[in-house]
PDB file of N, CA and C in Angstrom:
ATOM      1  N   MET A   1     -90.341  61.642  47.470  1.00  0.00           N
ATOM      2  CA  MET A   1     -90.376  60.771  46.317  1.00  0.00           C
ATOM      3  C   MET A   1     -89.432  59.573  46.509  1.00  0.00           C
ATOM      4  N   TRP A   2     -88.243  59.801  47.042  1.00  0.00           N
ATOM      5  CA  TRP A   2     -87.262  58.727  47.208  1.00  0.00           C
ATOM      6  C   TRP A   2     -87.656  57.738  48.282  1.00  0.00           C
ATOM      7  N   LEU A   3     -88.563  58.130  49.202  1.00  0.00           N
ATOM      8  CA  LEU A   3     -88.950  57.240  50.293  1.00  0.00           C
ATOM      9  C   LEU A   3     -89.651  55.982  49.805  1.00  0.00           C
ATOM     10  N   ARG A   4     -90.269  56.034  48.616  1.00  0.00           N
ATOM     11  CA  ARG A   4     -90.907  54.842  48.055  1.00  0.00           C
ATOM     12  C   ARG A   4     -89.875  53.768  47.759  1.00  0.00           C
ATOM     13  N   LEU A   5     -88.639  54.142  47.602  1.00  0.00           N
ATOM     14  CA  LEU A   5     -87.572  53.201  47.262  1.00  0.00           C
ATOM     15  C   LEU A   5     -86.966  52.526  48.492  1.00  0.00           C
ATOM     16  N   VAL A   6     -87.318  52.992  49.690  1.00  0.00           N
ATOM     17  CA  VAL A   6     -86.781  52.413  50.915  1.00  0.00           C
ATOM     18  C   VAL A   6     -87.534  51.122  51.223  1.00  0.00           C
ATOM     19  N   GLN A   7     -86.801  50.037  51.368  1.00  0.00           N
ATOM     20  CA  GLN A   7     -87.386  48.730  51.634  1.00  0.00           C
ATOM     21  C   GLN A   7     -87.448  48.465  53.138  1.00  0.00           C
ATOM     22  N   SER A   8     -88.316  47.534  53.525  1.00  0.00           N
ATOM     23  CA  SER A   8     -88.385  47.112  54.925  1.00  0.00           C
ATOM     24  C   SER A   8     -87.237  46.165  55.225  1.00  0.00           C
ATOM     25  N   ALA A   9     -86.649  46.337  56.391  1.00  0.00           N
ATOM     26  CA  ALA A   9     -85.618  45.406  56.856  1.00  0.00           C
ATOM     27  C   ALA A   9     -86.286  44.087  57.226  1.00  0.00           C
ATOM     28  N   ARG A  10     -85.533  43.001  57.138  1.00  0.00           N
ATOM     29  CA  ARG A  10     -86.068  41.695  57.515  1.00  0.00           C
ATOM     30  C   ARG A  10     -85.866  41.398  58.991  1.00  0.00           C
ATOM     31  N   ASP A  11     -84.836  42.011  59.593  1.00  0.00           N
ATOM     32  CA  ASP A  11     -84.566  41.798  61.019  1.00  0.00           C
ATOM     33  C   ASP A  11     -83.703  42.947  61.531  1.00  0.00           C
ATOM     34  N   ARG A  12     -83.417  42.937  62.826  1.00  0.00           N
ATOM     35  CA  ARG A  12     -82.661  44.032  63.444  1.00  0.00           C
ATOM     36  C   ARG A  12     -81.242  44.154  62.899  1.00  0.00           C
ATOM     37  N   ASP A  13     -80.639  43.043  62.541  1.00  0.00           N
ATOM     38  CA  ASP A  13     -79.263  43.072  62.030  1.00  0.00           C
ATOM     39  C   ASP A  13     -79.175  43.763  60.678  1.00  0.00           C
ATOM     40  N   GLU A  14     -80.224  43.658  59.880  1.00  0.00           N
ATOM     41  CA  GLU A  14     -80.235  44.228  58.535  1.00  0.00           C
ATOM     42  C   GLU A  14     -80.641  45.702  58.533  1.00  0.00           C
ATOM     43  N   GLN A  15     -81.378  46.129  59.527  1.00  0.00           N
ATOM     44  CA  GLN A  15     -81.934  47.474  59.598  1.00  0.00           C
ATOM     45  C   GLN A  15     -80.838  48.535  59.699  1.00  0.00           C
ATOM     46  N   ASN A  16     -80.960  49.602  58.875  1.00  0.00           N
ATOM     47  CA  ASN A  16     -80.039  50.720  59.006  1.00  0.00           C
ATOM     48  C   ASN A  16     -80.760  52.063  59.172  1.00  0.00           C
ATOM     49  N   LEU A  17     -82.095  52.055  59.033  1.00  0.00           N
ATOM     50  CA  LEU A  17     -82.919  53.238  59.261  1.00  0.00           C
ATOM     51  C   LEU A  17     -84.037  52.900  60.235  1.00  0.00           C
ATOM     52  N   GLU A  18     -84.482  53.911  60.955  1.00  0.00           N
ATOM     53  CA  GLU A  18     -85.608  53.751  61.866  1.00  0.00           C
ATOM     54  C   GLU A  18     -86.642  54.818  61.534  1.00  0.00           C
ATOM     55  N   ALA A  19     -87.899  54.408  61.383  1.00  0.00           N
ATOM     56  CA  ALA A  19     -88.992  55.353  61.163  1.00  0.00           C
ATOM     57  C   ALA A  19     -89.604  55.693  62.512  1.00  0.00           C
ATOM     58  N   TYR A  20     -89.908  56.965  62.713  1.00  0.00           N
ATOM     59  CA  TYR A  20     -90.539  57.390  63.964  1.00  0.00           C
ATOM     60  C   TYR A  20     -91.414  58.606  63.688  1.00  0.00           C
ATOM     61  N   VAL A  21     -92.304  58.890  64.624  1.00  0.00           N
ATOM     62  CA  VAL A  21     -93.214  60.027  64.489  1.00  0.00           C
ATOM     63  C   VAL A  21     -92.808  61.105  65.481  1.00  0.00           C
ATOM     64  N   LYS A  22     -92.716  62.346  64.975  1.00  0.00           N
ATOM     65  CA  LYS A  22     -92.411  63.501  65.828  1.00  0.00           C
ATOM     66  C   LYS A  22     -93.285  64.653  65.358  1.00  0.00           C
ATOM     67  N   ASN A  23     -94.030  65.226  66.288  1.00  0.00           N
ATOM     68  CA  ASN A  23     -94.939  66.340  65.972  1.00  0.00           C
ATOM     69  C   ASN A  23     -95.878  66.000  64.816  1.00  0.00           C
ATOM     70  N   GLY A  24     -96.348  64.759  64.786  1.00  0.00           N
ATOM     71  CA  GLY A  24     -97.302  64.336  63.766  1.00  0.00           C
ATOM     72  C   GLY A  24     -96.702  64.035  62.405  1.00  0.00           C
ATOM     73  N   GLN A  25     -95.386  64.075  62.286  1.00  0.00           N
ATOM     74  CA  GLN A  25     -94.733  63.802  61.004  1.00  0.00           C
ATOM     75  C   GLN A  25     -93.921  62.521  61.093  1.00  0.00           C
ATOM     76  N   LEU A  26     -93.931  61.747  60.017  1.00  0.00           N
ATOM     77  CA  LEU A  26     -93.124  60.539  59.929  1.00  0.00           C
ATOM     78  C   LEU A  26     -91.713  60.934  59.503  1.00  0.00           C
ATOM     79  N   LEU A  27     -90.735  60.571  60.323  1.00  0.00           N
ATOM     80  CA  LEU A  27     -89.335  60.894  60.061  1.00  0.00           C
ATOM     81  C   LEU A  27     -88.507  59.620  60.054  1.00  0.00           C
ATOM     82  N   TYR A  28     -87.336  59.708  59.456  1.00  0.00           N
ATOM     83  CA  TYR A  28     -86.388  58.594  59.423  1.00  0.00           C
ATOM     84  C   TYR A  28     -85.070  59.058  60.021  1.00  0.00           C
ATOM     85  N   ARG A  29     -84.399  58.139  60.716  1.00  0.00           N
ATOM     86  CA  ARG A  29     -83.051  58.437  61.213  1.00  0.00           C
ATOM     87  C   ARG A  29     -82.184  57.211  60.966  1.00  0.00           C
ATOM     88  N   SER A  30     -80.919  57.460  60.700  1.00  0.00           N
ATOM     89  CA  SER A  30     -79.997  56.343  60.491  1.00  0.00           C
ATOM     90  C   SER A  30     -79.575  55.796  61.850  1.00  0.00           C
ATOM     91  N   LEU A  31     -79.383  54.504  61.910  1.00  0.00           N
ATOM     92  CA  LEU A  31     -78.966  53.845  63.140  1.00  0.00           C
ATOM     93  C   LEU A  31     -77.465  53.617  63.173  1.00  0.00           C
ATOM     94  N   ARG A  32     -76.831  53.787  62.024  1.00  0.00           N
ATOM     95  CA  ARG A  32     -75.385  53.617  61.910  1.00  0.00           C
ATOM     96  C   ARG A  32     -74.941  54.326  60.637  1.00  0.00           C
ATOM     97  N   ARG A  33     -73.663  54.369  60.423  1.00  0.00           N
ATOM     98  CA  ARG A  33     -73.138  54.968  59.183  1.00  0.00           C
ATOM     99  C   ARG A  33     -73.589  54.122  57.998  1.00  0.00           C
ATOM    100  N   ILE A  34     -74.142  54.777  56.985  1.00  0.00           N
ATOM    101  CA  ILE A  34     -74.606  54.084  55.789  1.00  0.00           C
ATOM    102  C   ILE A  34     -73.610  54.360  54.678  1.00  0.00           C
ATOM    103  N   GLU A  35     -73.081  53.296  54.137  1.00  0.00           N
ATOM    104  CA  GLU A  35     -72.049  53.414  53.103  1.00  0.00           C
ATOM    105  C   GLU A  35     -72.653  53.828  51.758  1.00  0.00           C
ATOM    106  N   LYS A  36     -71.837  54.402  50.903  1.00  0.00           N
ATOM    107  CA  LYS A  36     -72.246  54.785  49.554  1.00  0.00           C
ATOM    108  C   LYS A  36     -72.771  53.539  48.835  1.00  0.00           C
ATOM    109  N   ASP A  37     -73.902  53.670  48.161  1.00  0.00           N
ATOM    110  CA  ASP A  37     -74.562  52.608  47.389  1.00  0.00           C
ATOM    111  C   ASP A  37     -75.158  51.501  48.258  1.00  0.00           C
ATOM    112  N   GLU A  38     -75.154  51.663  49.575  1.00  0.00           N
ATOM    113  CA  GLU A  38     -75.792  50.679  50.454  1.00  0.00           C
ATOM    114  C   GLU A  38     -77.303  50.899  50.418  1.00  0.00           C
ATOM    115  N   GLU A  39     -78.057  49.821  50.348  1.00  0.00           N
ATOM    116  CA  GLU A  39     -79.509  49.920  50.320  1.00  0.00           C
ATOM    117  C   GLU A  39     -80.039  50.427  51.664  1.00  0.00           C
ATOM    118  N   LEU A  40     -81.052  51.292  51.616  1.00  0.00           N
ATOM    119  CA  LEU A  40     -81.697  51.782  52.819  1.00  0.00           C
ATOM    120  C   LEU A  40     -82.756  50.777  53.241  1.00  0.00           C
ATOM    121  N   LEU A  41     -82.668  50.295  54.483  1.00  0.00           N
ATOM    122  CA  LEU A  41     -83.581  49.276  55.004  1.00  0.00           C
ATOM    123  C   LEU A  41     -84.140  49.768  56.329  1.00  0.00           C
ATOM    124  N   VAL A  42     -85.431  49.977  56.376  1.00  0.00           N
ATOM    125  CA  VAL A  42     -86.079  50.645  57.500  1.00  0.00           C
ATOM    126  C   VAL A  42     -86.970  49.700  58.294  1.00  0.00           C
ATOM    127  N   TRP A  43     -87.116  49.996  59.561  1.00  0.00           N
ATOM    128  CA  TRP A  43     -88.135  49.399  60.408  1.00  0.00           C
ATOM    129  C   TRP A  43     -88.578  50.479  61.374  1.00  0.00           C
ATOM    130  N   TYR A  44     -89.561  50.207  62.187  1.00  0.00           N
ATOM    131  CA  TYR A  44     -90.206  51.206  63.019  1.00  0.00           C
ATOM    132  C   TYR A  44     -89.511  51.403  64.356  1.00  0.00           C
ATOM    133  N   GLY A  45     -89.514  52.636  64.841  1.00  0.00           N
ATOM    134  CA  GLY A  45     -89.022  52.934  66.174  1.00  0.00           C
ATOM    135  C   GLY A  45     -90.009  52.426  67.218  1.00  0.00           C
ATOM    136  N   LYS A  46     -89.581  52.382  68.465  1.00  0.00           N
ATOM    137  CA  LYS A  46     -90.379  51.810  69.558  1.00  0.00           C
ATOM    138  C   LYS A  46     -91.769  52.447  69.663  1.00  0.00           C
ATOM    139  N   ASP A  47     -91.846  53.767  69.650  1.00  0.00           N
ATOM    140  CA  ASP A  47     -93.141  54.440  69.786  1.00  0.00           C
ATOM    141  C   ASP A  47     -94.056  54.154  68.603  1.00  0.00           C
ATOM    142  N   LEU A  48     -93.487  54.109  67.402  1.00  0.00           N
ATOM    143  CA  LEU A  48     -94.284  53.832  66.209  1.00  0.00           C
ATOM    144  C   LEU A  48     -94.743  52.378  66.186  1.00  0.00           C
ATOM    145  N   ILE A  49     -93.925  51.469  66.684  1.00  0.00           N
ATOM    146  CA  ILE A  49     -94.317  50.056  66.792  1.00  0.00           C
ATOM    147  C   ILE A  49     -95.550  49.940  67.684  1.00  0.00           C
ATOM    148  N   GLU A  50     -95.547  50.653  68.802  1.00  0.00           N
ATOM    149  CA  GLU A  50     -96.700  50.620  69.712  1.00  0.00           C
ATOM    150  C   GLU A  50     -97.922  51.242  69.062  1.00  0.00           C
ATOM    151  N   LEU A  51     -97.746  52.341  68.335  1.00  0.00           N
ATOM    152  CA  LEU A  51     -98.846  53.010  67.657  1.00  0.00           C
ATOM    153  C   LEU A  51     -99.462  52.110  66.585  1.00  0.00           C
ATOM    154  N   LEU A  52     -98.622  51.382  65.851  1.00  0.00           N
ATOM    155  CA  LEU A  52     -99.095  50.499  64.775  1.00  0.00           C
ATOM    156  C   LEU A  52     -99.464  49.105  65.277  1.00  0.00           C
ATOM    157  N   LEU A  53     -99.324  48.877  66.578  1.00  0.00           N
ATOM    158  CA  LEU A  53     -99.619  47.576  67.182  1.00  0.00           C
ATOM    159  C   LEU A  53     -98.743  46.476  66.593  1.00  0.00           C
ATOM    160  N   LEU A  54     -97.467  46.775  66.428  1.00  0.00           N
ATOM    161  CA  LEU A  54     -96.500  45.807  65.905  1.00  0.00           C
ATOM    162  C   LEU A  54     -95.623  45.286  67.035  1.00  0.00           C
ATOM    163  N   SER A  55     -96.197  45.114  68.174  1.00  0.00           N
ATOM    164  CA  SER A  55     -95.438  44.722  69.356  1.00  0.00           C
ATOM    165  C   SER A  55     -94.652  43.444  69.144  1.00  0.00           C
ATOM    166  N   ALA A  56     -93.359  43.506  69.438  1.00  0.00           N
ATOM    167  CA  ALA A  56     -92.521  42.314  69.341  1.00  0.00           C
ATOM    168  C   ALA A  56     -92.945  41.272  70.359  1.00  0.00           C
ATOM    169  N   GLY A  57     -93.746  41.671  71.354  1.00  0.00           N
ATOM    170  CA  GLY A  57     -94.237  40.730  72.342  1.00  0.00           C
ATOM    171  C   GLY A  57     -95.132  39.658  71.746  1.00  0.00           C
ATOM    172  N   LYS A  58     -95.722  39.920  70.573  1.00  0.00           N
ATOM    173  CA  LYS A  58     -96.565  38.936  69.911  1.00  0.00           C
ATOM    174  C   LYS A  58     -95.749  37.844  69.247  1.00  0.00           C
ATOM    175  N   ALA A  59     -94.502  38.137  68.961  1.00  0.00           N
ATOM    176  CA  ALA A  59     -93.660  37.202  68.221  1.00  0.00           C
ATOM    177  C   ALA A  59     -92.894  36.305  69.172  1.00  0.00           C
ATOM    178  N   PRO A  60     -92.937  35.000  68.932  1.00  0.00           N
ATOM    179  CA  PRO A  60     -92.125  34.115  69.757  1.00  0.00           C
ATOM    180  C   PRO A  60     -90.649  34.312  69.445  1.00  0.00           C
ATOM    181  N   VAL A  61     -89.814  34.044  70.414  1.00  0.00           N
ATOM    182  CA  VAL A  61     -88.377  34.128  70.186  1.00  0.00           C
ATOM    183  C   VAL A  61     -87.965  32.916  69.368  1.00  0.00           C
ATOM    184  N   LYS A  62     -87.272  33.163  68.286  1.00  0.00           N
ATOM    185  CA  LYS A  62     -86.841  32.081  67.405  1.00  0.00           C
ATOM    186  C   LYS A  62     -85.470  31.606  67.847  1.00  0.00           C
ATOM    187  N   ALA A  63     -85.394  30.384  68.278  1.00  0.00           N
ATOM    188  CA  ALA A  63     -84.112  29.814  68.694  1.00  0.00           C
ATOM    189  C   ALA A  63     -83.302  29.433  67.463  1.00  0.00           C
ATOM    190  N   LYS A  64     -82.003  29.539  67.566  1.00  0.00           N
ATOM    191  CA  LYS A  64     -81.126  29.210  66.452  1.00  0.00           C
ATOM    192  C   LYS A  64     -81.370  27.769  66.008  1.00  0.00           C
ATOM    193  N   GLY A  65     -81.567  27.581  64.717  1.00  0.00           N
ATOM    194  CA  GLY A  65     -81.783  26.247  64.180  1.00  0.00           C
ATOM    195  C   GLY A  65     -83.221  25.770  64.267  1.00  0.00           C
ATOM    196  N   SER A  66     -84.117  26.595  64.827  1.00  0.00           N
ATOM    197  CA  SER A  66     -85.511  26.173  64.942  1.00  0.00           C
ATOM    198  C   SER A  66     -86.256  26.468  63.639  1.00  0.00           C
ATOM    199  N   THR A  67     -87.508  26.052  63.592  1.00  0.00           N
ATOM    200  CA  THR A  67     -88.328  26.299  62.414  1.00  0.00           C
ATOM    201  C   THR A  67     -88.600  27.787  62.286  1.00  0.00           C
ATOM    202  N   PRO A  68     -88.981  28.236  61.082  1.00  0.00           N
ATOM    203  CA  PRO A  68     -89.270  29.665  60.883  1.00  0.00           C
ATOM    204  C   PRO A  68     -90.436  30.119  61.755  1.00  0.00           C
ATOM    205  N   TYR A  69     -90.619  31.438  61.843  1.00  0.00           N
ATOM    206  CA  TYR A  69     -91.764  31.991  62.556  1.00  0.00           C
ATOM    207  C   TYR A  69     -93.034  31.479  61.891  1.00  0.00           C
ATOM    208  N   SER A  70     -94.030  31.138  62.670  1.00  0.00           N
ATOM    209  CA  SER A  70     -95.269  30.583  62.141  1.00  0.00           C
ATOM    210  C   SER A  70     -96.451  31.375  62.678  1.00  0.00           C
ATOM    211  N   CYS A  71     -97.353  31.781  61.784  1.00  0.00           N
ATOM    212  CA  CYS A  71     -98.546  32.529  62.162  1.00  0.00           C
ATOM    213  C   CYS A  71     -99.521  31.587  62.872  1.00  0.00           C
ATOM    214  N   PRO A  72     -99.976  31.952  64.058  1.00  0.00           N
ATOM    215  CA  PRO A  72    -100.894  31.077  64.787  1.00  0.00           C
ATOM    216  C   PRO A  72    -102.287  31.009  64.154  1.00  0.00           C
ATOM    217  N   ASP A  73    -102.638  31.965  63.292  1.00  0.00           N
ATOM    218  CA  ASP A  73    -103.963  31.984  62.676  1.00  0.00           C
ATOM    219  C   ASP A  73    -104.025  31.255  61.345  1.00  0.00           C
ATOM    220  N   CYS A  74    -103.012  31.431  60.491  1.00  0.00           N
ATOM    221  CA  CYS A  74    -103.069  30.827  59.152  1.00  0.00           C
ATOM    222  C   CYS A  74    -101.942  29.826  58.901  1.00  0.00           C
ATOM    223  N   ASN A  75    -101.039  29.673  59.858  1.00  0.00           N
ATOM    224  CA  ASN A  75     -99.903  28.746  59.764  1.00  0.00           C
ATOM    225  C   ASN A  75     -98.876  29.103  58.693  1.00  0.00           C
ATOM    226  N   GLN A  76     -98.959  30.308  58.125  1.00  0.00           N
ATOM    227  CA  GLN A  76     -97.933  30.733  57.177  1.00  0.00           C
ATOM    228  C   GLN A  76     -96.621  30.876  57.924  1.00  0.00           C
ATOM    229  N   ARG A  77     -95.517  30.467  57.291  1.00  0.00           N
ATOM    230  CA  ARG A  77     -94.203  30.497  57.941  1.00  0.00           C
ATOM    231  C   ARG A  77     -93.330  31.609  57.373  1.00  0.00           C
ATOM    232  N   PHE A  78     -92.474  32.122  58.244  1.00  0.00           N
ATOM    233  CA  PHE A  78     -91.594  33.229  57.882  1.00  0.00           C
ATOM    234  C   PHE A  78     -90.189  32.939  58.367  1.00  0.00           C
ATOM    235  N   GLN A  79     -89.205  33.278  57.557  1.00  0.00           N
ATOM    236  CA  GLN A  79     -87.806  33.110  57.928  1.00  0.00           C
ATOM    237  C   GLN A  79     -87.316  34.250  58.809  1.00  0.00           C
ATOM    238  N   PHE A  80     -87.949  35.445  58.677  1.00  0.00           N
ATOM    239  CA  PHE A  80     -87.447  36.638  59.340  1.00  0.00           C
ATOM    240  C   PHE A  80     -88.501  37.271  60.233  1.00  0.00           C
ATOM    241  N   GLU A  81     -88.035  37.902  61.318  1.00  0.00           N
ATOM    242  CA  GLU A  81     -88.913  38.470  62.335  1.00  0.00           C
ATOM    243  C   GLU A  81     -89.797  39.601  61.823  1.00  0.00           C
ATOM    244  N   PHE A  82     -89.244  40.585  61.125  1.00  0.00           N
ATOM    245  CA  PHE A  82     -90.021  41.764  60.763  1.00  0.00           C
ATOM    246  C   PHE A  82     -91.140  41.454  59.767  1.00  0.00           C
ATOM    247  N   PRO A  83     -90.929  40.648  58.710  1.00  0.00           N
ATOM    248  CA  PRO A  83     -92.067  40.276  57.854  1.00  0.00           C
ATOM    249  C   PRO A  83     -93.146  39.522  58.634  1.00  0.00           C
ATOM    250  N   PHE A  84     -92.730  38.711  59.601  1.00  0.00           N
ATOM    251  CA  PHE A  84     -93.683  37.990  60.442  1.00  0.00           C
ATOM    252  C   PHE A  84     -94.545  38.974  61.242  1.00  0.00           C
ATOM    253  N   LEU A  85     -93.916  39.973  61.875  1.00  0.00           N
ATOM    254  CA  LEU A  85     -94.660  40.965  62.647  1.00  0.00           C
ATOM    255  C   LEU A  85     -95.619  41.757  61.764  1.00  0.00           C
ATOM    256  N   ALA A  86     -95.162  42.143  60.568  1.00  0.00           N
ATOM    257  CA  ALA A  86     -96.024  42.877  59.646  1.00  0.00           C
ATOM    258  C   ALA A  86     -97.211  42.015  59.214  1.00  0.00           C
ATOM    259  N   HIS A  87     -96.984  40.735  58.982  1.00  0.00           N
ATOM    260  CA  HIS A  87     -98.063  39.820  58.615  1.00  0.00           C
ATOM    261  C   HIS A  87     -99.110  39.762  59.725  1.00  0.00           C
ATOM    262  N   LEU A  88     -98.658  39.630  60.959  1.00  0.00           N
ATOM    263  CA  LEU A  88     -99.592  39.556  62.083  1.00  0.00           C
ATOM    264  C   LEU A  88    -100.451  40.816  62.171  1.00  0.00           C
ATOM    265  N   ARG A  89     -99.846  41.961  61.924  1.00  0.00           N
ATOM    266  CA  ARG A  89    -100.564  43.220  62.086  1.00  0.00           C
ATOM    267  C   ARG A  89    -101.432  43.577  60.891  1.00  0.00           C
ATOM    268  N   PHE A  90    -100.939  43.391  59.677  1.00  0.00           N
ATOM    269  CA  PHE A  90    -101.622  43.944  58.510  1.00  0.00           C
ATOM    270  C   PHE A  90    -102.330  42.920  57.626  1.00  0.00           C
ATOM    271  N   ARG A  91    -101.995  41.658  57.728  1.00  0.00           N
ATOM    272  CA  ARG A  91    -102.576  40.695  56.801  1.00  0.00           C
ATOM    273  C   ARG A  91    -103.450  39.642  57.455  1.00  0.00           C
ATOM    274  N   CYS A  92    -103.042  39.153  58.599  1.00  0.00           N
ATOM    275  CA  CYS A  92    -103.755  38.003  59.155  1.00  0.00           C
ATOM    276  C   CYS A  92    -104.660  38.402  60.306  1.00  0.00           C
TER     277      CYS A  92
END
């Protein structure tokens, strides 16, 4: 029930949980110590990224100070890597 309250991280720096699949079950693990009242922010583990076709290889590397991530199909722009990857896989 509480898993519905876990939000997606916007990038690797913000992420504190990792989702992964083991024996057919979706599990979560913390990537660092999570402080009391800190929001849980999840993204996918390497194997789950490959399973969901969320390969970071599709995303261009964003240089510091450059324009946001831009979808090559619809030109929608994103400030953060993970929403951009999710857009490529699930929306566009």
